Amino acid sequence: MKKYAFLIIIIVMTLGFFTGQYLYKINRIKTNEDSLKVGELIEDECTLDAEYNLDLISTNSKEEKTSPNCTIVLKIYYKKCGHLVESKKTLEEAEVNLTEAELRAKIPEWEIQKFTSSEIVLYKEVNEFCNEHYLLKEKDGSIAVFSLNEDNMEKLEEITNISTNYLEEEDLEKLKSGIYINSKKELNKALEDFE
């Protein structure tokens, strides 16, 4: 009889152990499911609150600013000769990390035509004569470059190494009367054409 009692106690304990394990796992699964539902509920409430707040408040938290590798395009219109001269430069250290309004305050004489972190286009008009008026002529068997002021006074800038000995008669005639050029870009192209 003691044998049977001992065997029954072992069977009851084993059944109790497995029943406890089973109930523990069921309770754990149920708790995880409930926490997921609560998490979804909280996420939905947060989403609703966020949407509601977005409708009420709209802000621009990121204002565009100049970067260190920003290029500045300078456009100057010279009223006396009617030329628009463009040049490019990089930002100086003091001009980095500025908003459009801050840049406008630093350079009120310029009109800002374009403002991005990578490129700024500035424009202004001046009542002057630009320094990009040239005259090409023959001098001592070579092509010479003269700059012109607003009174068409010539100033010798350079005697090139381009000989006039090998030019066509038509080009020689043009050079004798002078070829007027209105920009550095045109000047470089004309000299390349003669080479």
Protein backbone atom coordinates (compact mmCIF):
# COMPACT_ATOMS: atom_id res chain seq x y z
CA MET A 1 0.00 0.00 0.00
CA LYS A 2 2.85 2.32 0.71
CA LYS A 3 4.07 1.58 -2.78
CA TYR A 4 0.80 2.68 -4.33
CA ALA A 5 0.59 5.79 -2.22
CA PHE A 6 4.13 6.74 -3.21
CA LEU A 7 3.33 6.08 -6.90
CA ILE A 8 0.13 8.15 -6.69
CA ILE A 9 2.01 11.02 -5.04
CA ILE A 10 4.64 10.95 -7.85
CA ILE A 11 1.91 10.85 -10.55
CA VAL A 12 -0.01 13.74 -8.90
CA MET A 13 3.19 15.78 -8.58
CA THR A 14 4.13 15.12 -12.22
CA LEU A 15 0.62 16.05 -13.37
CA GLY A 16 0.73 19.15 -11.18
CA PHE A 17 4.10 20.14 -12.65
CA PHE A 18 2.92 19.76 -16.25
CA THR A 19 -0.40 21.49 -15.50
CA GLY A 20 1.50 24.40 -13.92
CA GLN A 21 3.78 24.65 -16.98
CA TYR A 22 0.76 24.59 -19.31
CA LEU A 23 -1.11 27.28 -17.34
CA TYR A 24 2.04 29.44 -17.15
CA LYS A 25 2.52 29.32 -20.94
CA ILE A 26 -1.14 30.11 -21.62
CA ASN A 27 -1.03 33.05 -19.22
CA ARG A 28 2.20 34.33 -20.82
CA ILE A 29 0.74 34.14 -24.34
CA LYS A 30 -2.41 35.93 -23.18
CA THR A 31 -0.34 38.68 -21.51
CA ASN A 32 1.71 39.21 -24.71
CA GLU A 33 -1.46 39.43 -26.80
CA ASP A 34 -2.94 41.98 -24.39
CA SER A 35 0.24 44.07 -24.43
CA LEU A 36 0.25 44.03 -28.23
CA LYS A 37 -3.34 45.26 -28.27
CA VAL A 38 -2.47 48.00 -25.79
CA GLY A 39 0.58 48.92 -27.93
CA GLU A 40 -1.58 49.13 -31.02
CA LEU A 41 -4.09 51.20 -29.14
CA ILE A 42 -1.41 53.60 -27.95
CA GLU A 43 0.09 53.79 -31.43
CA ASP A 44 -3.30 54.62 -32.90
CA GLU A 45 -3.93 57.30 -30.27
CA CYS A 46 -0.48 58.80 -30.89
CA THR A 47 -1.08 58.78 -34.61
CA LEU A 48 -4.44 60.48 -34.17
CA ASP A 49 -2.93 63.09 -31.83
CA ALA A 50 -0.04 63.70 -34.24
CA GLU A 51 -2.40 64.14 -37.18
CA TYR A 52 -4.55 66.45 -35.10
CA ASN A 53 -1.52 68.53 -34.03
CA LEU A 54 -0.19 68.71 -37.59
CA ASP A 55 -3.47 70.20 -38.69
CA LEU A 56 -3.26 72.85 -36.00
CA ILE A 57 0.43 73.76 -36.19
CA SER A 58 2.47 74.09 -39.35
CA THR A 59 6.06 75.26 -39.03
CA ASN A 60 9.10 75.41 -41.24
CA SER A 61 11.89 74.14 -39.03
CA LYS A 62 14.56 73.96 -41.72
CA GLU A 63 15.47 77.24 -43.37
CA GLU A 64 17.88 77.04 -46.32
CA LYS A 65 21.37 78.36 -45.60
CA THR A 66 24.57 78.85 -47.57
CA SER A 67 27.08 76.00 -47.53
CA PRO A 68 30.90 76.19 -47.76
CA ASN A 69 30.91 74.83 -51.33
CA CYS A 70 28.26 77.28 -52.54
CA THR A 71 28.97 79.13 -55.80
CA ILE A 72 28.02 82.77 -56.25
CA VAL A 73 27.16 84.01 -59.74
CA LEU A 74 27.58 87.78 -60.02
CA LYS A 75 25.64 89.50 -62.81
CA ILE A 76 26.45 93.15 -63.38
CA TYR A 77 24.60 95.18 -66.00
CA TYR A 78 26.66 98.15 -67.23
CA LYS A 79 24.26 100.89 -68.34
CA LYS A 80 26.79 102.96 -70.32
CA CYS A 81 27.67 100.15 -72.73
CA GLY A 82 24.59 97.90 -72.31
CA HIS A 83 26.58 94.78 -71.39
CA LEU A 84 25.69 92.14 -68.83
CA VAL A 85 28.88 90.66 -67.39
CA GLU A 86 28.75 87.41 -65.40
CA SER A 87 31.43 86.03 -63.12
CA LYS A 88 31.61 83.30 -60.49
CA LYS A 89 33.20 83.14 -57.09
CA THR A 90 33.08 80.94 -54.00
CA LEU A 91 31.78 82.05 -50.65
CA GLU A 92 34.04 83.74 -48.16
CA GLU A 93 34.13 82.30 -44.65
CA ALA A 94 31.93 85.10 -43.26
CA GLU A 95 29.21 84.29 -45.83
CA VAL A 96 28.85 80.59 -44.88
CA ASN A 97 25.74 79.42 -43.00
CA LEU A 98 23.65 82.50 -43.78
CA THR A 99 19.95 82.55 -44.55
CA GLU A 100 18.66 84.56 -47.50
CA ALA A 101 17.53 87.37 -45.19
CA GLU A 102 20.93 87.52 -43.47
CA LEU A 103 22.73 87.64 -46.83
CA ARG A 104 20.36 90.34 -48.09
CA ALA A 105 21.20 92.45 -45.02
CA LYS A 106 24.95 92.09 -45.70
CA ILE A 107 24.72 93.10 -49.39
CA PRO A 108 21.75 95.45 -49.81
CA GLU A 109 23.07 96.84 -53.14
CA TRP A 110 22.60 93.42 -54.81
CA GLU A 111 19.34 91.78 -55.87
CA ILE A 112 19.17 88.07 -54.98
CA GLN A 113 17.75 86.32 -58.05
CA LYS A 114 18.33 82.76 -56.81
CA PHE A 115 19.16 81.37 -53.36
CA THR A 116 19.94 77.72 -52.66
CA SER A 117 22.56 76.12 -50.44
CA SER A 118 24.65 75.29 -53.53
CA GLU A 119 24.17 78.38 -55.74
CA ILE A 120 23.37 82.06 -55.28
CA VAL A 121 22.72 84.42 -58.20
CA LEU A 122 23.23 88.13 -57.48
CA TYR A 123 22.35 91.00 -59.85
CA LYS A 124 22.97 94.72 -59.89
CA GLU A 125 23.00 97.61 -62.38
CA VAL A 126 25.74 100.20 -62.43
CA ASN A 127 26.01 103.46 -64.37
CA GLU A 128 29.46 102.59 -65.71
CA PHE A 129 31.28 101.24 -68.76
CA CYS A 130 32.45 97.62 -68.44
CA ASN A 131 36.09 96.69 -68.84
CA GLU A 132 35.42 93.99 -71.43
CA HIS A 133 35.74 95.95 -74.66
CA TYR A 134 38.65 94.92 -76.87
CA LEU A 135 40.11 95.61 -80.27
CA LEU A 136 42.23 93.14 -82.24
CA LYS A 137 44.76 94.67 -84.66
CA GLU A 138 47.92 93.75 -86.50
CA LYS A 139 51.09 95.08 -84.86
CA ASP A 140 54.65 94.18 -85.88
CA GLY A 141 53.54 91.04 -87.75
CA SER A 142 51.45 89.65 -84.86
CA ILE A 143 47.92 90.01 -83.54
CA ALA A 144 47.73 92.59 -80.76
CA VAL A 145 44.98 92.94 -78.13
CA PHE A 146 43.94 96.45 -77.10
CA SER A 147 41.43 97.31 -74.37
CA LEU A 148 39.00 100.17 -74.97
CA ASN A 149 37.62 102.65 -72.46
CA GLU A 150 34.28 104.44 -72.77
CA ASP A 151 35.88 107.10 -75.00
CA ASN A 152 37.21 104.35 -77.33
CA MET A 153 40.77 105.13 -76.30
CA GLU A 154 43.03 102.15 -77.00
CA LYS A 155 45.44 100.67 -74.50
CA LEU A 156 47.79 97.89 -75.57
CA GLU A 157 47.20 94.83 -73.38
CA GLU A 158 49.17 92.12 -75.19
CA ILE A 159 50.99 91.26 -78.37
CA THR A 160 50.16 87.61 -79.00
CA ASN A 161 52.48 85.04 -80.55
CA ILE A 162 50.00 84.61 -83.43
CA SER A 163 51.77 85.63 -86.62
CA THR A 164 49.80 87.46 -89.32
CA ASN A 165 52.03 86.01 -92.08
CA TYR A 166 49.86 82.93 -92.52
CA LEU A 167 46.42 84.53 -92.30
CA GLU A 168 44.04 84.81 -95.23
CA GLU A 169 43.73 88.16 -97.02
CA GLU A 170 40.18 88.66 -95.67
CA ASP A 171 41.38 88.26 -92.05
CA LEU A 172 44.28 90.64 -92.66
CA GLU A 173 41.87 93.29 -93.95
CA LYS A 174 39.68 92.91 -90.84
CA LEU A 175 42.71 93.24 -88.58
CA LYS A 176 43.89 96.41 -90.39
CA SER A 177 40.60 98.13 -89.67
CA GLY A 178 40.32 96.46 -86.23
CA ILE A 179 38.04 93.72 -84.92
CA TYR A 180 35.85 94.89 -82.03
CA ILE A 181 35.22 92.31 -79.29
CA ASN A 182 32.73 92.76 -76.43
CA SER A 183 33.70 90.15 -73.82
CA LYS A 184 36.62 88.09 -72.57
CA LYS A 185 34.84 84.96 -73.76
CA GLU A 186 34.54 86.36 -77.32
CA LEU A 187 38.16 87.50 -77.15
CA ASN A 188 39.41 84.02 -76.25
CA LYS A 189 37.29 82.45 -79.02
CA ALA A 190 38.55 84.94 -81.62
CA LEU A 191 42.18 84.30 -80.68
CA GLU A 192 41.62 80.54 -80.84
CA ASP A 193 40.13 80.92 -84.32
CA PHE A 194 43.27 82.75 -85.51
CA GLU A 195 45.67 80.12 -84.12
